[in-house]
Amino acid sequence: MLTFGWFSSGRDQAAIDLLAAIHDRLVSGFIPGQFAFVFCDREPGEDQAADQFQAAVQARQLPLVTYSSRSLREKIRQRAPDLEKARTAFDQAVIEQVQGYEAQLIVLAGYMLVLSPKLCTKFLCLNLHPALPGGHIGTWQQVIWQLIADEASSAGAMMHLATPALDRGPAVTYCHFSLTGPDFAPFWQQLRKKRQLLGLREIIQQEGEAEPLFARLRAEELKREFPLIILTLKLLAEGRLQLTPAGVQAAGQLLPQGQCLTEQVEAFLADRSEN
């Protein structure tokens, strides 16, 4: 049985929905595992959204650990010269907060802090990133705009081991989808017409996330995130994939690019739409 810690900043309803989706599948046995604890880097009363997230954790009778990152976030905003020292100190305090729980790995689920080497070496930490292995790094908005700028033919998402190198840890699982064909062609055509008059930077400034190609690409990526996380945890819990500090293994063999779960994710989506 897989026992894991769950790190979340509890920023929005999506954080609650993901927690619920995983917990429901643990309860049903679809994922043979359990939460060791849920950690949130906001204290009660510090943030309304985080309070709602913590209430959802407690409603499901899951062990909740909180420790405020407010002072660290202030140093991040100020770009303080001692930021890395403060980040390490914060992660050491977090390790001490959760040391009484047995967790085989940590899942970063909407956790808005970059990890220090101390936390990355203490635990195997699994993170979601909205790009394919070896792809663009940065926020999901940055990744999508980079894909559009490249006129990429495919996109996707991956689960990877978190390391101090942002978004560059070894891939564990991934899925991809096409950005070509009849579903996307009208959006590309519309964008190319706009780019005859405007630069991409101007389009970003004027339309932002409402730009139709951007919005469609995000929707396609977003609907695959929950299935990818659920299926990854299932494979790890069943022992069909094994995590090591060097990456993921299957049948004792290291998978340098991770395990492709595209077919399984699409089947999951199809089954959910039928039900």
Protein backbone atom coordinates (compact mmCIF):
# COMPACT_ATOMS: atom_id res chain seq x y z
CA MET A 1 0.00 0.00 0.00
CA LEU A 2 1.35 3.42 -1.00
CA THR A 3 1.52 5.96 1.83
CA PHE A 4 2.15 9.52 0.76
CA GLY A 5 2.20 13.09 1.98
CA TRP A 6 0.21 15.75 0.15
CA PHE A 7 1.58 19.30 -0.10
CA SER A 8 -0.80 22.07 -1.18
CA SER A 9 -1.05 25.82 -0.73
CA GLY A 10 -4.84 25.42 -0.98
CA ARG A 11 -5.22 28.40 -3.29
CA ASP A 12 -8.51 27.59 -5.00
CA GLN A 13 -11.38 25.17 -5.58
CA ALA A 14 -9.16 23.09 -7.88
CA ALA A 15 -6.99 22.20 -4.88
CA ILE A 16 -10.08 20.89 -3.07
CA ASP A 17 -11.33 19.04 -6.16
CA LEU A 18 -8.01 17.28 -6.70
CA LEU A 19 -7.77 16.24 -3.06
CA ALA A 20 -11.32 14.87 -3.27
CA ALA A 21 -10.64 13.02 -6.53
CA ILE A 22 -7.62 11.26 -5.05
CA HIS A 23 -9.26 10.52 -1.69
CA ASP A 24 -12.37 9.07 -3.35
CA ARG A 25 -10.19 6.66 -5.35
CA LEU A 26 -8.25 5.68 -2.25
CA VAL A 27 -11.50 4.92 -0.44
CA SER A 28 -12.83 2.90 -3.39
CA GLY A 29 -9.58 0.93 -3.68
CA PHE A 30 -8.85 2.13 -7.22
CA ILE A 31 -5.57 3.43 -5.77
CA PRO A 32 -4.33 1.00 -3.09
CA GLY A 33 -2.87 3.56 -0.72
CA GLN A 34 -3.56 6.24 1.86
CA PHE A 35 -2.67 9.77 2.85
CA ALA A 36 -0.03 9.90 5.58
CA PHE A 37 -0.80 13.61 6.03
CA VAL A 38 -1.84 16.74 4.18
CA PHE A 39 0.45 19.76 4.55
CA CYS A 40 -0.59 23.35 3.83
CA ASP A 41 1.80 26.30 4.03
CA ARG A 42 -0.90 28.63 5.34
CA GLU A 43 -1.99 28.77 8.97
CA PRO A 44 -5.71 28.78 9.82
CA GLY A 45 -7.14 32.28 9.42
CA GLU A 46 -4.32 33.42 7.15
CA ASP A 47 -6.11 33.00 3.82
CA GLN A 48 -9.78 32.37 3.02
CA ALA A 49 -9.16 29.90 0.19
CA ALA A 50 -6.63 27.98 2.28
CA ASP A 51 -9.13 27.87 5.16
CA GLN A 52 -11.68 26.27 2.83
CA PHE A 53 -9.09 23.76 1.67
CA GLN A 54 -8.15 22.89 5.25
CA ALA A 55 -11.83 22.48 6.14
CA ALA A 56 -12.17 20.01 3.26
CA VAL A 57 -9.16 18.06 4.57
CA GLN A 58 -10.64 17.91 8.06
CA ALA A 59 -14.08 16.94 6.71
CA ARG A 60 -12.43 13.88 5.19
CA GLN A 61 -10.73 13.15 8.53
CA LEU A 62 -7.24 13.34 7.05
CA PRO A 63 -4.23 14.33 9.20
CA LEU A 64 -3.60 18.04 8.60
CA VAL A 65 -0.30 19.83 9.21
CA THR A 66 0.04 23.60 8.73
CA TYR A 67 3.06 25.87 8.84
CA SER A 68 2.99 29.40 7.45
CA SER A 69 5.30 30.41 4.61
CA ARG A 70 4.32 34.08 4.95
CA SER A 71 7.80 35.31 5.93
CA LEU A 72 9.41 33.23 3.17
CA ARG A 73 6.97 34.56 0.59
CA GLU A 74 7.82 38.10 1.66
CA LYS A 75 11.51 37.39 1.07
CA ILE A 76 10.63 35.97 -2.35
CA ARG A 77 8.74 39.17 -3.23
CA GLN A 78 11.66 41.30 -2.05
CA ARG A 79 14.22 39.06 -3.75
CA ALA A 80 16.09 39.13 -0.46
CA PRO A 81 19.81 38.31 -0.59
CA ASP A 82 19.34 35.59 2.04
CA LEU A 83 16.43 33.96 0.16
CA GLU A 84 18.05 30.57 -0.35
CA LYS A 85 19.06 30.40 3.29
CA ALA A 86 15.48 31.26 4.27
CA ARG A 87 14.09 28.65 1.86
CA THR A 88 16.32 25.97 3.37
CA ALA A 89 15.35 26.99 6.90
CA PHE A 90 11.65 26.87 6.00
CA ASP A 91 11.94 23.40 4.47
CA GLN A 92 13.85 22.16 7.52
CA ALA A 93 10.99 23.40 9.70
CA VAL A 94 8.48 21.62 7.43
CA ILE A 95 10.47 18.38 7.69
CA GLU A 96 10.31 18.66 11.48
CA GLN A 97 6.55 19.30 11.34
CA VAL A 98 5.85 16.09 9.38
CA GLN A 99 8.54 13.83 10.81
CA GLY A 100 6.05 11.87 12.90
CA TYR A 101 4.24 10.60 9.79
CA GLU A 102 5.30 7.70 7.58
CA ALA A 103 5.30 8.78 3.94
CA GLN A 104 6.96 6.93 1.07
CA LEU A 105 6.74 9.99 -1.17
CA ILE A 106 5.39 13.52 -1.31
CA VAL A 107 2.88 14.71 -3.93
CA LEU A 108 3.07 18.42 -4.70
CA ALA A 109 -0.49 19.38 -5.60
CA GLY A 110 -0.78 23.12 -6.14
CA TYR A 111 2.14 23.77 -3.80
CA MET A 112 3.37 27.22 -4.73
CA LEU A 113 6.91 27.13 -3.32
CA VAL A 114 10.13 26.01 -4.97
CA LEU A 115 11.74 23.25 -2.93
CA SER A 116 15.20 23.52 -1.43
CA PRO A 117 17.76 20.73 -1.92
CA LYS A 118 17.13 19.73 1.71
CA LEU A 119 13.50 18.78 1.08
CA CYS A 120 14.25 17.19 -2.31
CA THR A 121 16.84 14.89 -0.75
CA LYS A 122 14.75 14.09 2.34
CA PHE A 123 11.75 12.88 0.30
CA LEU A 124 10.94 11.70 -3.18
CA CYS A 125 8.70 14.57 -4.29
CA LEU A 126 6.34 14.14 -7.22
CA ASN A 127 5.24 17.24 -9.12
CA LEU A 128 2.90 17.98 -12.04
CA HIS A 129 4.20 20.15 -14.87
CA PRO A 130 2.11 21.12 -17.94
CA ALA A 131 4.71 20.20 -20.54
CA LEU A 132 6.20 17.08 -22.07
CA PRO A 133 9.54 15.68 -20.81
CA GLY A 134 12.33 17.95 -21.97
CA GLY A 135 9.80 20.66 -22.87
CA HIS A 136 9.34 24.23 -21.74
CA ILE A 137 9.68 25.27 -18.11
CA GLY A 138 7.85 27.94 -16.13
CA THR A 139 4.23 28.57 -15.20
CA TRP A 140 1.45 26.97 -17.21
CA GLN A 141 0.77 30.34 -18.83
CA GLN A 142 4.40 30.67 -19.91
CA VAL A 143 4.45 27.12 -21.26
CA ILE A 144 1.33 27.66 -23.39
CA TRP A 145 2.57 30.93 -24.87
CA GLN A 146 5.88 29.26 -25.70
CA LEU A 147 4.06 26.42 -27.45
CA ILE A 148 2.06 28.96 -29.45
CA ALA A 149 5.19 30.93 -30.34
CA ASP A 150 6.82 27.71 -31.55
CA GLU A 151 3.67 26.67 -33.46
CA ALA A 152 4.10 23.31 -31.73
CA SER A 153 2.38 20.24 -33.13
CA SER A 154 1.79 18.59 -29.74
CA ALA A 155 1.47 19.39 -26.06
CA GLY A 156 0.95 17.49 -22.85
CA ALA A 157 1.73 17.17 -19.17
CA MET A 158 4.08 15.15 -17.02
CA MET A 159 4.59 14.01 -13.47
CA HIS A 160 8.24 14.35 -12.52
CA LEU A 161 10.50 14.20 -9.51
CA ALA A 162 10.99 17.65 -8.06
CA THR A 163 14.59 18.83 -7.84
CA PRO A 164 16.20 22.22 -7.14
CA ALA A 165 16.39 22.64 -10.95
CA LEU A 166 12.90 24.02 -11.61
CA ASP A 167 10.75 21.71 -13.78
CA ARG A 168 13.81 19.66 -14.80
CA GLY A 169 13.58 16.67 -12.48
CA PRO A 170 13.38 13.16 -14.01
CA ALA A 171 10.07 12.45 -15.74
CA VAL A 172 7.93 9.76 -14.11
CA THR A 173 4.84 9.67 -16.36
CA TYR A 174 3.45 11.83 -19.14
CA CYS A 175 0.68 12.14 -21.69
CA HIS A 176 0.43 14.07 -24.94
CA PHE A 177 -2.20 15.32 -27.37
CA SER A 178 -2.08 16.78 -30.86
CA LEU A 179 -2.33 20.47 -31.69
CA THR A 180 -3.01 19.77 -35.36
CA GLY A 181 -6.04 18.52 -37.27
CA PRO A 182 -9.61 19.84 -37.52
CA ASP A 183 -10.00 20.51 -33.79
CA PHE A 184 -7.15 23.01 -33.71
CA ALA A 185 -6.80 24.22 -37.33
CA PRO A 186 -9.36 27.10 -37.05
CA PHE A 187 -7.66 28.42 -33.93
CA TRP A 188 -4.22 28.43 -35.58
CA GLN A 189 -5.65 30.13 -38.67
CA GLN A 190 -7.27 32.83 -36.57
CA LEU A 191 -4.04 33.45 -34.68
CA ARG A 192 -1.96 33.66 -37.86
CA LYS A 193 -4.31 36.29 -39.26
CA LYS A 194 -3.92 38.35 -36.10
CA ARG A 195 -0.15 37.99 -36.25
CA GLN A 196 -0.12 39.59 -39.68
CA LEU A 197 -1.07 42.81 -37.91
CA LEU A 198 0.20 42.33 -34.36
CA GLY A 199 3.20 40.77 -32.68
CA LEU A 200 2.60 37.92 -30.25
CA ARG A 201 3.59 40.16 -27.35
CA GLU A 202 0.81 42.60 -28.30
CA ILE A 203 -1.72 39.77 -28.59
CA ILE A 204 -0.73 38.56 -25.13
CA GLN A 205 -1.15 42.06 -23.71
CA GLN A 206 -4.51 42.63 -25.39
CA GLU A 207 -6.17 39.22 -24.96
CA GLY A 208 -4.18 37.25 -22.43
CA GLU A 209 -5.72 33.92 -21.42
CA ALA A 210 -8.91 34.74 -23.36
CA GLU A 211 -7.10 34.34 -26.70
CA PRO A 212 -9.03 31.43 -28.33
CA LEU A 213 -6.05 29.21 -29.20
CA PHE A 214 -4.57 29.76 -25.74
CA ALA A 215 -7.90 28.95 -24.07
CA ARG A 216 -8.45 25.80 -26.14
CA LEU A 217 -4.93 24.52 -25.52
CA ARG A 218 -5.27 25.11 -21.79
CA ALA A 219 -8.62 23.33 -21.67
CA GLU A 220 -7.21 20.26 -23.41
CA GLU A 221 -4.20 20.14 -21.09
CA LEU A 222 -6.21 20.81 -17.94
CA LYS A 223 -8.73 18.01 -18.47
CA ARG A 224 -5.85 15.51 -18.61
CA GLU A 225 -4.18 16.62 -15.37
CA PHE A 226 -6.43 14.79 -12.88
CA PRO A 227 -6.37 11.49 -14.84
CA LEU A 228 -2.57 11.67 -15.15
CA ILE A 229 -2.13 12.19 -11.40
CA ILE A 230 -4.68 9.49 -10.52
CA LEU A 231 -3.19 6.91 -12.88
CA THR A 232 0.38 7.69 -11.82
CA LEU A 233 -0.45 7.13 -8.16
CA LYS A 234 -2.30 3.93 -9.06
CA LEU A 235 0.71 2.52 -10.93
CA LEU A 236 3.05 3.45 -8.09
CA ALA A 237 0.70 2.02 -5.46
CA GLU A 238 0.36 -1.24 -7.39
CA GLY A 239 4.13 -1.51 -7.75
CA ARG A 240 4.06 -1.44 -11.54
CA LEU A 241 6.24 1.65 -11.39
CA GLN A 242 8.92 2.26 -8.76
CA LEU A 243 10.40 5.63 -7.83
CA THR A 244 14.12 6.07 -7.21
CA PRO A 245 16.17 9.27 -6.79
CA ALA A 246 17.41 8.72 -10.37
CA GLY A 247 13.91 8.46 -11.82
CA VAL A 248 11.21 5.88 -12.39
CA GLN A 249 11.70 2.16 -12.99
CA ALA A 250 9.48 -0.53 -14.49
CA ALA A 251 10.42 -4.19 -14.03
CA GLY A 252 13.77 -3.05 -12.65
CA GLN A 253 14.64 -0.96 -15.71
CA LEU A 254 15.12 2.81 -15.50
CA LEU A 255 12.84 4.77 -17.87
CA PRO A 256 14.85 7.91 -18.78
CA GLN A 257 11.85 9.64 -20.41
CA GLY A 258 9.28 8.27 -17.97
CA GLN A 259 6.24 6.10 -18.74
CA CYS A 260 3.86 7.28 -21.45
CA LEU A 261 0.25 7.09 -20.20
CA THR A 262 -1.47 8.74 -23.17
CA GLU A 263 -3.65 5.73 -24.02
CA GLN A 264 -4.63 5.20 -20.40
CA VAL A 265 -5.47 8.89 -19.89
CA GLU A 266 -7.61 9.01 -23.03
CA ALA A 267 -9.40 5.80 -21.99
CA PHE A 268 -10.00 7.33 -18.53
CA LEU A 269 -11.52 10.44 -20.12
CA ALA A 270 -13.68 8.37 -22.46
CA ASP A 271 -14.97 6.23 -19.61
CA ARG A 272 -15.79 9.28 -17.52
CA SER A 273 -17.70 10.91 -20.40
CA GLU A 274 -19.78 7.75 -20.86
CA ASN A 275 -20.63 7.65 -17.18
